[in-house]
Amino acid sequence: MKNSLQLVINAVLVLAVAVLFYLHFANKPAAAPARKPVAAVKTNDSTATPVTTEEPADLTAVADTDKVAYVESGKLLDGYQGMKDARRSFEAKAKRWEAQNQKLVQGFQGAVQKYQQQAAGMTAEQRASTEQQLQGRQVQVAQEQEKLQRQAQEEEGKMTQQVLERINKQVEVYGKQNGYRLILIAAPSGTIAYGRKDLDITAPVLKHLNAEYSSKKK
């Protein structure tokens, strides 16, 4: 399950996080360049007092919107407690579905073995009738198996989507709090061919994710 999840997660994270941050910061006006104090022009009036113009205090602290970083999707997902809990929950359900599947298969196999043991003492008409019943039961078993498979796929997709939405939301929160313009995803599929290690913020982002998840569980 882990490998199948990884491909979906990588693609969604790349689109969701990168586009999210680009749209968030792209529409913000660029910070105005700082202006140096301007002295008044001297006049012949000896009583004239030099005048200076200073920037308003609220413009002195300008957020750095050029910050770009990346996170490694594998480490982020493997270390995120929310994903660990979701996987455990899914695996518990998967075991129940597998038990149902085994019950279906064993029931059908038992019916076939019983027929094989009794076939010699049956009339041709009885054999034909029993074989027809077994064929109908085989179709029912196949339909139930398909139903279980669809249920598992839907549950896996729902679980994955919920975890990704939570991760994307918290990565956005982390990016805003720390002044990032863009946060990319480094995935095994090669989304990022190269990235300097000092741009890797997987560890602090993971710490933020787990802290938020832990606080919500209390």
Protein backbone atom coordinates (compact mmCIF):
# COMPACT_ATOMS: atom_id res chain seq x y z
CA MET A 1 0.00 0.00 0.00
CA LYS A 2 2.86 2.35 0.82
CA ASN A 3 4.20 2.37 -2.75
CA SER A 4 0.79 2.93 -4.31
CA LEU A 5 0.13 5.82 -1.92
CA GLN A 6 3.50 7.44 -2.64
CA LEU A 7 2.80 8.05 -6.36
CA VAL A 8 -0.54 9.71 -5.66
CA ILE A 9 0.84 11.75 -2.75
CA ASN A 10 3.84 13.07 -4.67
CA ALA A 11 1.73 14.34 -7.57
CA VAL A 12 -0.91 15.98 -5.39
CA LEU A 13 1.60 17.59 -3.05
CA VAL A 14 3.61 19.09 -5.91
CA LEU A 15 0.55 20.70 -7.48
CA ALA A 16 -1.23 21.70 -4.31
CA VAL A 17 1.68 23.19 -2.37
CA ALA A 18 3.56 24.87 -5.22
CA VAL A 19 0.48 26.46 -6.77
CA LEU A 20 -0.85 27.40 -3.36
CA PHE A 21 2.20 29.42 -2.42
CA TYR A 22 2.66 30.96 -5.84
CA LEU A 23 -0.90 32.24 -5.86
CA HIS A 24 -0.62 33.47 -2.29
CA PHE A 25 2.45 35.61 -2.87
CA ALA A 26 2.25 36.44 -6.60
CA ASN A 27 -0.62 38.88 -6.12
CA LYS A 28 1.11 40.82 -3.34
CA PRO A 29 2.63 44.19 -4.36
CA ALA A 30 6.40 44.33 -4.33
CA ALA A 31 7.96 46.10 -1.35
CA ALA A 32 8.88 49.69 -2.10
CA PRO A 33 12.64 50.36 -2.07
CA ALA A 34 13.89 52.23 0.97
CA ARG A 35 14.40 55.94 0.41
CA LYS A 36 17.34 57.81 1.87
CA PRO A 37 16.67 60.93 3.95
CA VAL A 38 16.47 63.97 1.67
CA ALA A 39 17.99 67.26 2.89
CA ALA A 40 16.28 70.56 2.08
CA VAL A 41 18.02 72.84 -0.40
CA LYS A 42 19.94 75.66 1.25
CA THR A 43 18.68 79.20 0.70
CA ASN A 44 20.19 82.54 1.44
CA ASP A 45 18.07 82.73 4.57
CA SER A 46 20.48 81.87 7.36
CA THR A 47 17.57 80.99 9.62
CA ALA A 48 16.37 78.16 7.39
CA THR A 49 16.34 74.79 9.14
CA PRO A 50 17.35 71.61 7.28
CA VAL A 51 14.38 69.26 6.75
CA THR A 52 14.56 65.49 6.37
CA THR A 53 11.94 62.99 5.17
CA GLU A 54 12.00 59.52 6.79
CA GLU A 55 10.16 56.31 5.98
CA PRO A 56 7.10 55.52 8.11
CA ALA A 57 7.88 53.11 10.94
CA ASP A 58 5.50 50.46 9.59
CA LEU A 59 7.57 50.03 6.41
CA THR A 60 10.85 49.30 8.17
CA ALA A 61 10.10 45.57 8.55
CA VAL A 62 9.47 44.06 5.12
CA ALA A 63 8.89 40.28 4.80
CA ASP A 64 11.32 38.40 2.58
CA THR A 65 9.05 36.99 -0.12
CA ASP A 66 11.92 35.61 -2.20
CA LYS A 67 12.51 32.63 0.10
CA VAL A 68 12.22 29.29 -1.69
CA ALA A 69 12.67 25.85 -0.15
CA TYR A 70 11.70 22.21 -0.59
CA VAL A 71 10.64 19.21 1.45
CA GLU A 72 11.31 15.52 0.77
CA SER A 73 7.95 13.83 0.35
CA GLY A 74 9.08 10.38 1.49
CA LYS A 75 10.53 11.62 4.77
CA LEU A 76 7.62 13.97 5.33
CA LEU A 77 4.98 11.27 4.89
CA ASP A 78 6.83 8.51 6.71
CA GLY A 79 7.48 10.78 9.67
CA TYR A 80 4.04 12.40 9.86
CA GLN A 81 2.08 10.90 12.74
CA GLY A 82 -1.19 11.66 10.99
CA MET A 83 -0.19 9.39 8.10
CA LYS A 84 0.99 6.66 10.48
CA ASP A 85 -2.34 6.66 12.30
CA ALA A 86 -4.29 6.70 9.02
CA ARG A 87 -2.31 3.75 7.69
CA ARG A 88 -2.90 1.74 10.86
CA SER A 89 -6.61 2.44 10.65
CA PHE A 90 -6.71 1.42 6.98
CA GLU A 91 -4.71 -1.76 7.62
CA ALA A 92 -7.16 -2.78 10.35
CA LYS A 93 -10.04 -2.40 7.89
CA ALA A 94 -8.07 -4.23 5.20
CA LYS A 95 -7.66 -7.22 7.52
CA ARG A 96 -11.44 -7.39 8.00
CA TRP A 97 -12.00 -7.23 4.25
CA GLU A 98 -9.44 -9.98 3.71
CA ALA A 99 -11.20 -12.14 6.31
CA GLN A 100 -14.49 -11.66 4.45
CA ASN A 101 -12.79 -12.60 1.20
CA GLN A 102 -11.29 -15.75 2.71
CA LYS A 103 -14.68 -16.76 4.05
CA LEU A 104 -16.22 -16.41 0.59
CA VAL A 105 -13.45 -18.42 -1.07
CA GLN A 106 -13.42 -21.17 1.54
CA GLY A 107 -17.20 -21.50 1.38
CA PHE A 108 -17.10 -21.94 -2.38
CA GLN A 109 -14.19 -24.38 -2.23
CA GLY A 110 -16.06 -26.45 0.37
CA ALA A 111 -19.12 -26.64 -1.88
CA VAL A 112 -16.97 -27.78 -4.82
CA GLN A 113 -15.24 -30.48 -2.75
CA LYS A 114 -18.57 -31.74 -1.47
CA TYR A 115 -19.86 -32.03 -5.01
CA GLN A 116 -16.75 -33.89 -6.12
CA GLN A 117 -17.19 -36.39 -3.30
CA GLN A 118 -20.87 -37.00 -4.07
CA ALA A 119 -20.82 -36.74 -7.85
CA ALA A 120 -20.29 -40.46 -8.40
CA GLY A 121 -23.59 -41.28 -6.68
CA MET A 122 -25.61 -38.63 -8.50
CA THR A 123 -27.73 -38.97 -11.56
CA ALA A 124 -26.82 -36.98 -14.65
CA GLU A 125 -29.68 -34.61 -13.90
CA GLN A 126 -28.49 -34.06 -10.31
CA ARG A 127 -24.95 -33.40 -11.45
CA ALA A 128 -26.11 -30.88 -14.02
CA SER A 129 -28.26 -29.10 -11.43
CA THR A 130 -25.47 -29.00 -8.83
CA GLU A 131 -22.93 -27.73 -11.35
CA GLN A 132 -25.31 -24.97 -12.38
CA GLN A 133 -25.72 -23.96 -8.74
CA LEU A 134 -21.94 -23.92 -8.28
CA GLN A 135 -21.51 -21.72 -11.32
CA GLY A 136 -24.05 -19.26 -9.94
CA ARG A 137 -22.29 -19.27 -6.59
CA GLN A 138 -18.96 -18.65 -8.30
CA VAL A 139 -20.42 -15.55 -9.96
CA GLN A 140 -21.70 -14.33 -6.59
CA VAL A 141 -18.30 -14.83 -4.98
CA ALA A 142 -16.62 -12.88 -7.79
CA GLN A 143 -19.11 -10.04 -7.40
CA GLU A 144 -18.56 -9.89 -3.64
CA GLN A 145 -14.79 -9.83 -4.18
CA GLU A 146 -15.12 -6.92 -6.61
CA LYS A 147 -17.30 -5.10 -4.08
CA LEU A 148 -14.68 -5.56 -1.36
CA GLN A 149 -11.94 -4.36 -3.72
CA ARG A 150 -13.90 -1.21 -4.63
CA GLN A 151 -14.58 -0.55 -0.97
CA ALA A 152 -10.87 -0.85 -0.17
CA GLN A 153 -9.87 1.46 -3.02
CA GLU A 154 -12.46 4.07 -2.06
CA GLU A 155 -11.42 3.95 1.58
CA GLU A 156 -7.73 4.25 0.65
CA GLY A 157 -8.45 7.21 -1.61
CA LYS A 158 -10.53 8.93 1.06
CA MET A 159 -7.86 8.35 3.69
CA THR A 160 -5.10 9.67 1.42
CA GLN A 161 -7.08 12.76 0.47
CA GLN A 162 -7.81 13.65 4.08
CA VAL A 163 -4.16 13.35 5.08
CA LEU A 164 -2.97 15.36 2.08
CA GLU A 165 -5.45 18.15 2.73
CA ARG A 166 -4.23 18.40 6.29
CA ILE A 167 -0.58 18.42 5.20
CA ASN A 168 -1.16 21.01 2.48
CA LYS A 169 -2.99 23.29 4.89
CA GLN A 170 -0.25 23.11 7.50
CA VAL A 171 2.55 23.57 4.96
CA GLU A 172 0.73 26.72 3.87
CA VAL A 173 0.56 27.87 7.50
CA TYR A 174 4.27 27.16 7.99
CA GLY A 175 5.18 28.98 4.78
CA LYS A 176 3.21 32.08 5.69
CA GLN A 177 4.60 32.18 9.21
CA ASN A 178 8.17 31.93 7.93
CA GLY A 179 7.93 34.22 4.89
CA TYR A 180 8.34 31.64 2.10
CA ARG A 181 7.34 32.48 -1.45
CA LEU A 182 7.44 28.87 -2.64
CA ILE A 183 7.80 25.42 -1.08
CA LEU A 184 8.48 22.58 -3.51
CA ILE A 185 8.31 18.81 -3.16
CA ALA A 186 11.36 16.61 -3.78
CA ALA A 187 9.99 13.23 -4.84
CA PRO A 188 11.55 9.98 -6.11
CA SER A 189 9.80 10.58 -9.43
CA GLY A 190 12.26 13.40 -10.10
CA THR A 191 10.22 16.53 -9.52
CA ILE A 192 13.39 18.27 -8.34
CA ALA A 193 16.62 17.09 -9.95
CA TYR A 194 18.85 19.02 -7.57
CA GLY A 195 18.44 21.15 -4.49
CA ARG A 196 20.96 22.56 -2.06
CA LYS A 197 20.75 20.99 1.38
CA ASP A 198 20.35 24.37 3.04
CA LEU A 199 17.05 24.72 1.14
CA ASP A 200 15.73 21.45 2.59
CA ILE A 201 13.20 22.32 5.31
CA THR A 202 11.75 18.81 5.72
CA ALA A 203 12.74 18.57 9.39
CA PRO A 204 11.18 21.84 10.62
CA VAL A 205 8.06 21.33 8.50
CA LEU A 206 7.66 17.79 9.86
CA LYS A 207 8.08 19.11 13.39
CA HIS A 208 5.37 21.69 12.71
CA LEU A 209 3.03 19.05 11.24
CA ASN A 210 3.41 16.66 14.17
CA ALA A 211 3.03 19.43 16.74
CA GLU A 212 -0.21 20.58 15.11
CA TYR A 213 -1.50 17.01 14.81
CA SER A 214 -0.67 16.24 18.43
CA SER A 215 -2.45 19.37 19.65
CA LYS A 216 -5.61 18.44 17.72
CA LYS A 217 -5.70 14.94 19.23
CA LYS A 218 -5.73 16.25 22.81
